[in-house]
Amino acid sequence: MFRVSKAEELSRTIVTIDGELSGDTIAVVETCCDQAMSAGKAVHLFLRDVSTVDQAGRAMLCRLAARGVRLLARGIYTSYLVKALNPSGTEPLNPGASLR
């Protein structure tokens, strides 16, 4: 199962991912983030319930982070991954915290 959703706020767009981040799903996520960035607002990519991230998924997350997308994560695996991919300040999301 894979699901991507987008929430528009005044100052940012939150793109939320659930499921596996691999194969065909990578293009969907990247397109969604590209569209959100074209609106000129900050983009936050929230890896909510992501169970798998393959090499292509990691590469895409690095590309997005380099372009200014803020990576957020919930869970041990994705929190570690976010910190490893972008140790320069993007922090994992506290599981008890709310995005809003």
N, C-alpha and C. Protein backbone atom coordinates (compact mmCIF):
# COMPACT_ATOMS: atom_id res chain seq x y z
N MET A 1 0.84 -1.18 0.00
CA MET A 1 0.00 0.00 0.00
C MET A 1 0.88 1.24 0.00
N PHE A 2 0.46 2.23 -0.73
CA PHE A 2 1.16 3.52 -0.79
C PHE A 2 0.12 4.61 -0.84
N ARG A 3 0.37 5.67 -0.06
CA ARG A 3 -0.55 6.81 -0.09
C ARG A 3 0.26 8.09 0.06
N VAL A 4 -0.08 9.07 -0.74
CA VAL A 4 0.51 10.39 -0.62
C VAL A 4 -0.64 11.39 -0.51
N SER A 5 -0.51 12.30 0.44
CA SER A 5 -1.55 13.33 0.58
C SER A 5 -0.85 14.68 0.74
N LYS A 6 -1.60 15.72 0.42
CA LYS A 6 -1.04 17.07 0.45
C LYS A 6 -1.99 17.97 1.22
N ALA A 7 -1.45 18.71 2.18
CA ALA A 7 -2.23 19.66 2.96
C ALA A 7 -1.65 21.05 2.74
N GLU A 8 -2.50 21.95 2.29
CA GLU A 8 -2.09 23.34 2.04
C GLU A 8 -2.35 24.18 3.28
N GLU A 9 -1.35 24.91 3.71
CA GLU A 9 -1.49 25.88 4.79
C GLU A 9 -1.07 27.24 4.26
N LEU A 10 -1.24 28.28 5.04
CA LEU A 10 -0.90 29.63 4.58
C LEU A 10 0.57 29.75 4.19
N SER A 11 1.46 29.23 5.02
CA SER A 11 2.88 29.44 4.79
C SER A 11 3.64 28.21 4.30
N ARG A 12 2.96 27.05 4.24
CA ARG A 12 3.66 25.84 3.82
C ARG A 12 2.69 24.82 3.25
N THR A 13 3.29 23.86 2.57
CA THR A 13 2.55 22.70 2.08
C THR A 13 3.17 21.47 2.71
N ILE A 14 2.34 20.61 3.26
CA ILE A 14 2.82 19.37 3.88
C ILE A 14 2.42 18.21 2.99
N VAL A 15 3.42 17.49 2.51
CA VAL A 15 3.21 16.28 1.72
C VAL A 15 3.48 15.11 2.65
N THR A 16 2.49 14.24 2.83
CA THR A 16 2.60 13.12 3.76
C THR A 16 2.64 11.81 2.99
N ILE A 17 3.57 10.95 3.38
CA ILE A 17 3.77 9.66 2.73
C ILE A 17 3.48 8.54 3.71
N ASP A 18 2.74 7.56 3.25
CA ASP A 18 2.52 6.31 4.00
C ASP A 18 2.84 5.15 3.06
N GLY A 19 3.50 4.12 3.56
CA GLY A 19 3.78 2.94 2.75
C GLY A 19 5.22 2.85 2.33
N GLU A 20 5.47 2.23 1.17
CA GLU A 20 6.82 2.03 0.67
C GLU A 20 7.25 3.16 -0.25
N LEU A 21 8.46 3.62 -0.07
CA LEU A 21 9.02 4.66 -0.92
C LEU A 21 10.06 3.99 -1.82
N SER A 22 9.56 3.41 -2.90
CA SER A 22 10.42 2.67 -3.83
C SER A 22 9.73 2.55 -5.18
N GLY A 23 10.51 2.24 -6.19
CA GLY A 23 9.95 2.00 -7.51
C GLY A 23 9.15 3.16 -8.05
N ASP A 24 7.94 2.87 -8.50
CA ASP A 24 7.08 3.87 -9.13
C ASP A 24 6.61 4.96 -8.17
N THR A 25 6.62 4.69 -6.88
CA THR A 25 6.12 5.68 -5.93
C THR A 25 7.04 6.90 -5.83
N ILE A 26 8.30 6.72 -6.18
CA ILE A 26 9.27 7.81 -6.09
C ILE A 26 8.88 8.96 -7.01
N ALA A 27 8.50 8.63 -8.23
CA ALA A 27 8.11 9.66 -9.20
C ALA A 27 6.88 10.41 -8.72
N VAL A 28 5.94 9.71 -8.09
CA VAL A 28 4.73 10.36 -7.58
C VAL A 28 5.08 11.37 -6.50
N VAL A 29 5.94 10.98 -5.58
CA VAL A 29 6.33 11.87 -4.48
C VAL A 29 7.09 13.08 -5.02
N GLU A 30 8.03 12.82 -5.91
CA GLU A 30 8.83 13.93 -6.44
C GLU A 30 7.96 14.91 -7.22
N THR A 31 7.04 14.41 -8.00
CA THR A 31 6.13 15.27 -8.75
C THR A 31 5.26 16.11 -7.81
N CYS A 32 4.74 15.48 -6.77
CA CYS A 32 3.91 16.18 -5.80
C CYS A 32 4.70 17.30 -5.12
N CYS A 33 5.94 17.02 -4.73
CA CYS A 33 6.78 18.03 -4.10
C CYS A 33 7.15 19.14 -5.08
N ASP A 34 7.44 18.78 -6.33
CA ASP A 34 7.75 19.79 -7.36
C ASP A 34 6.58 20.75 -7.55
N GLN A 35 5.37 20.19 -7.62
CA GLN A 35 4.17 21.02 -7.78
C GLN A 35 3.99 21.94 -6.57
N ALA A 36 4.22 21.41 -5.38
CA ALA A 36 4.07 22.21 -4.17
C ALA A 36 5.12 23.32 -4.13
N MET A 37 6.34 23.04 -4.54
CA MET A 37 7.40 24.06 -4.54
C MET A 37 7.12 25.16 -5.55
N SER A 38 6.46 24.81 -6.64
CA SER A 38 6.17 25.81 -7.66
C SER A 38 5.20 26.88 -7.16
N ALA A 39 4.48 26.60 -6.08
CA ALA A 39 3.57 27.58 -5.49
C ALA A 39 4.30 28.63 -4.67
N GLY A 40 5.60 28.39 -4.41
CA GLY A 40 6.39 29.38 -3.70
C GLY A 40 6.36 29.29 -2.18
N LYS A 41 5.66 28.32 -1.64
CA LYS A 41 5.61 28.15 -0.19
C LYS A 41 6.62 27.10 0.24
N ALA A 42 6.95 27.08 1.53
CA ALA A 42 7.82 26.05 2.08
C ALA A 42 7.13 24.69 1.92
N VAL A 43 7.93 23.66 1.67
CA VAL A 43 7.39 22.32 1.53
C VAL A 43 8.01 21.42 2.59
N HIS A 44 7.15 20.73 3.32
CA HIS A 44 7.57 19.76 4.32
C HIS A 44 7.13 18.39 3.84
N LEU A 45 8.07 17.45 3.77
CA LEU A 45 7.76 16.07 3.39
C LEU A 45 7.78 15.24 4.65
N PHE A 46 6.61 14.73 5.02
CA PHE A 46 6.42 13.98 6.27
C PHE A 46 6.35 12.49 5.95
N LEU A 47 7.36 11.74 6.37
CA LEU A 47 7.37 10.29 6.23
C LEU A 47 6.66 9.72 7.45
N ARG A 48 5.35 9.52 7.32
CA ARG A 48 4.53 9.17 8.47
C ARG A 48 4.62 7.69 8.80
N ASP A 49 4.15 6.84 7.95
CA ASP A 49 4.17 5.40 8.18
C ASP A 49 4.88 4.73 7.01
N VAL A 50 6.15 5.07 6.84
CA VAL A 50 6.93 4.52 5.74
C VAL A 50 7.69 3.30 6.25
N SER A 51 7.49 2.18 5.57
CA SER A 51 8.11 0.93 6.01
C SER A 51 9.38 0.59 5.24
N THR A 52 9.49 1.06 3.99
CA THR A 52 10.64 0.72 3.15
C THR A 52 11.05 1.93 2.33
N VAL A 53 12.36 2.15 2.26
CA VAL A 53 12.92 3.17 1.38
C VAL A 53 14.10 2.53 0.67
N ASP A 54 14.01 2.37 -0.66
CA ASP A 54 15.11 1.77 -1.40
C ASP A 54 16.14 2.83 -1.77
N GLN A 55 17.20 2.44 -2.48
CA GLN A 55 18.27 3.37 -2.86
C GLN A 55 17.74 4.54 -3.68
N ALA A 56 16.85 4.28 -4.60
CA ALA A 56 16.28 5.36 -5.42
C ALA A 56 15.46 6.31 -4.54
N GLY A 57 14.78 5.77 -3.54
CA GLY A 57 14.02 6.60 -2.61
C GLY A 57 14.94 7.49 -1.78
N ARG A 58 16.05 6.92 -1.33
CA ARG A 58 17.03 7.72 -0.58
C ARG A 58 17.60 8.84 -1.45
N ALA A 59 17.91 8.51 -2.70
CA ALA A 59 18.45 9.52 -3.61
C ALA A 59 17.44 10.66 -3.82
N MET A 60 16.17 10.29 -3.97
CA MET A 60 15.13 11.31 -4.15
C MET A 60 15.00 12.19 -2.91
N LEU A 61 15.07 11.60 -1.72
CA LEU A 61 14.99 12.38 -0.49
C LEU A 61 16.17 13.35 -0.40
N CYS A 62 17.36 12.91 -0.80
CA CYS A 62 18.54 13.79 -0.82
C CYS A 62 18.34 14.94 -1.78
N ARG A 63 17.82 14.65 -2.97
CA ARG A 63 17.56 15.70 -3.96
C ARG A 63 16.58 16.73 -3.43
N LEU A 64 15.49 16.25 -2.84
CA LEU A 64 14.48 17.17 -2.32
C LEU A 64 15.03 18.01 -1.18
N ALA A 65 15.79 17.39 -0.28
CA ALA A 65 16.39 18.13 0.84
C ALA A 65 17.34 19.20 0.32
N ALA A 66 18.10 18.87 -0.71
CA ALA A 66 19.04 19.83 -1.29
C ALA A 66 18.31 21.01 -1.93
N ARG A 67 17.08 20.78 -2.35
CA ARG A 67 16.28 21.84 -2.97
C ARG A 67 15.46 22.62 -1.94
N GLY A 68 15.61 22.30 -0.66
CA GLY A 68 14.96 23.07 0.38
C GLY A 68 13.73 22.44 1.00
N VAL A 69 13.38 21.22 0.59
CA VAL A 69 12.24 20.54 1.20
C VAL A 69 12.66 20.06 2.59
N ARG A 70 11.86 20.37 3.58
CA ARG A 70 12.15 19.94 4.95
C ARG A 70 11.63 18.53 5.15
N LEU A 71 12.51 17.64 5.57
CA LEU A 71 12.14 16.25 5.80
C LEU A 71 11.75 16.06 7.25
N LEU A 72 10.60 15.45 7.47
CA LEU A 72 10.10 15.13 8.80
C LEU A 72 9.79 13.64 8.83
N ALA A 73 9.92 13.02 9.99
CA ALA A 73 9.67 11.58 10.06
C ALA A 73 9.05 11.19 11.39
N ARG A 74 8.33 10.09 11.34
CA ARG A 74 7.79 9.47 12.56
C ARG A 74 8.22 8.02 12.52
N GLY A 75 8.74 7.54 13.60
CA GLY A 75 9.19 6.16 13.68
C GLY A 75 10.71 6.09 13.73
N ILE A 76 11.20 5.00 14.27
CA ILE A 76 12.64 4.84 14.47
C ILE A 76 13.39 4.79 13.14
N TYR A 77 12.94 3.97 12.22
CA TYR A 77 13.63 3.78 10.94
C TYR A 77 13.69 5.08 10.15
N THR A 78 12.55 5.70 9.94
CA THR A 78 12.54 6.91 9.10
C THR A 78 13.19 8.10 9.81
N SER A 79 13.10 8.17 11.13
CA SER A 79 13.77 9.25 11.85
C SER A 79 15.28 9.14 11.68
N TYR A 80 15.80 7.92 11.79
CA TYR A 80 17.23 7.70 11.58
C TYR A 80 17.61 8.04 10.15
N LEU A 81 16.80 7.62 9.21
CA LEU A 81 17.07 7.88 7.80
C LEU A 81 17.12 9.37 7.51
N VAL A 82 16.15 10.12 8.01
CA VAL A 82 16.11 11.57 7.79
C VAL A 82 17.37 12.22 8.37
N LYS A 83 17.75 11.82 9.55
CA LYS A 83 18.94 12.40 10.17
C LYS A 83 20.20 12.04 9.38
N ALA A 84 20.28 10.81 8.89
CA ALA A 84 21.45 10.38 8.12
C ALA A 84 21.52 11.08 6.76
N LEU A 85 20.39 11.33 6.15
CA LEU A 85 20.37 11.95 4.82
C LEU A 85 20.64 13.45 4.86
N ASN A 86 20.25 14.08 5.94
CA ASN A 86 20.38 15.53 6.01
C ASN A 86 20.77 15.95 7.42
N PRO A 87 22.01 15.67 7.83
CA PRO A 87 22.42 15.97 9.20
C PRO A 87 22.60 17.46 9.48
N SER A 88 22.38 18.31 8.48
CA SER A 88 22.64 19.75 8.65
C SER A 88 21.46 20.52 9.22
N GLY A 89 20.60 19.88 9.98
CA GLY A 89 19.57 20.67 10.64
C GLY A 89 18.17 20.15 10.52
N THR A 90 17.86 19.28 9.58
CA THR A 90 16.51 18.74 9.50
C THR A 90 16.37 17.68 10.56
N GLU A 91 15.43 17.85 11.43
CA GLU A 91 15.27 16.94 12.55
C GLU A 91 14.08 16.01 12.37
N PRO A 92 14.17 14.81 12.93
CA PRO A 92 13.01 13.92 12.91
C PRO A 92 11.88 14.54 13.71
N LEU A 93 10.67 14.24 13.33
CA LEU A 93 9.50 14.75 14.03
C LEU A 93 9.29 13.95 15.29
N ASN A 94 9.04 14.64 16.37
CA ASN A 94 8.70 13.99 17.62
C ASN A 94 7.38 13.26 17.42
N PRO A 95 7.31 11.94 17.72
CA PRO A 95 6.08 11.20 17.49
C PRO A 95 4.85 11.79 18.17
N GLY A 96 5.03 12.49 19.25
CA GLY A 96 3.89 13.08 19.95
C GLY A 96 3.53 14.47 19.44
N ALA A 97 4.36 15.01 18.55
CA ALA A 97 4.12 16.37 18.06
C ALA A 97 3.10 16.38 16.95
N SER A 98 2.49 17.50 16.79
CA SER A 98 1.51 17.69 15.72
C SER A 98 2.13 18.58 14.65
N LEU A 99 1.77 18.32 13.42
CA LEU A 99 2.27 19.15 12.31
C LEU A 99 1.56 20.49 12.25
N ARG A 100 0.44 20.63 12.86
CA ARG A 100 -0.34 21.88 12.74
C ARG A 100 -0.25 22.72 13.94
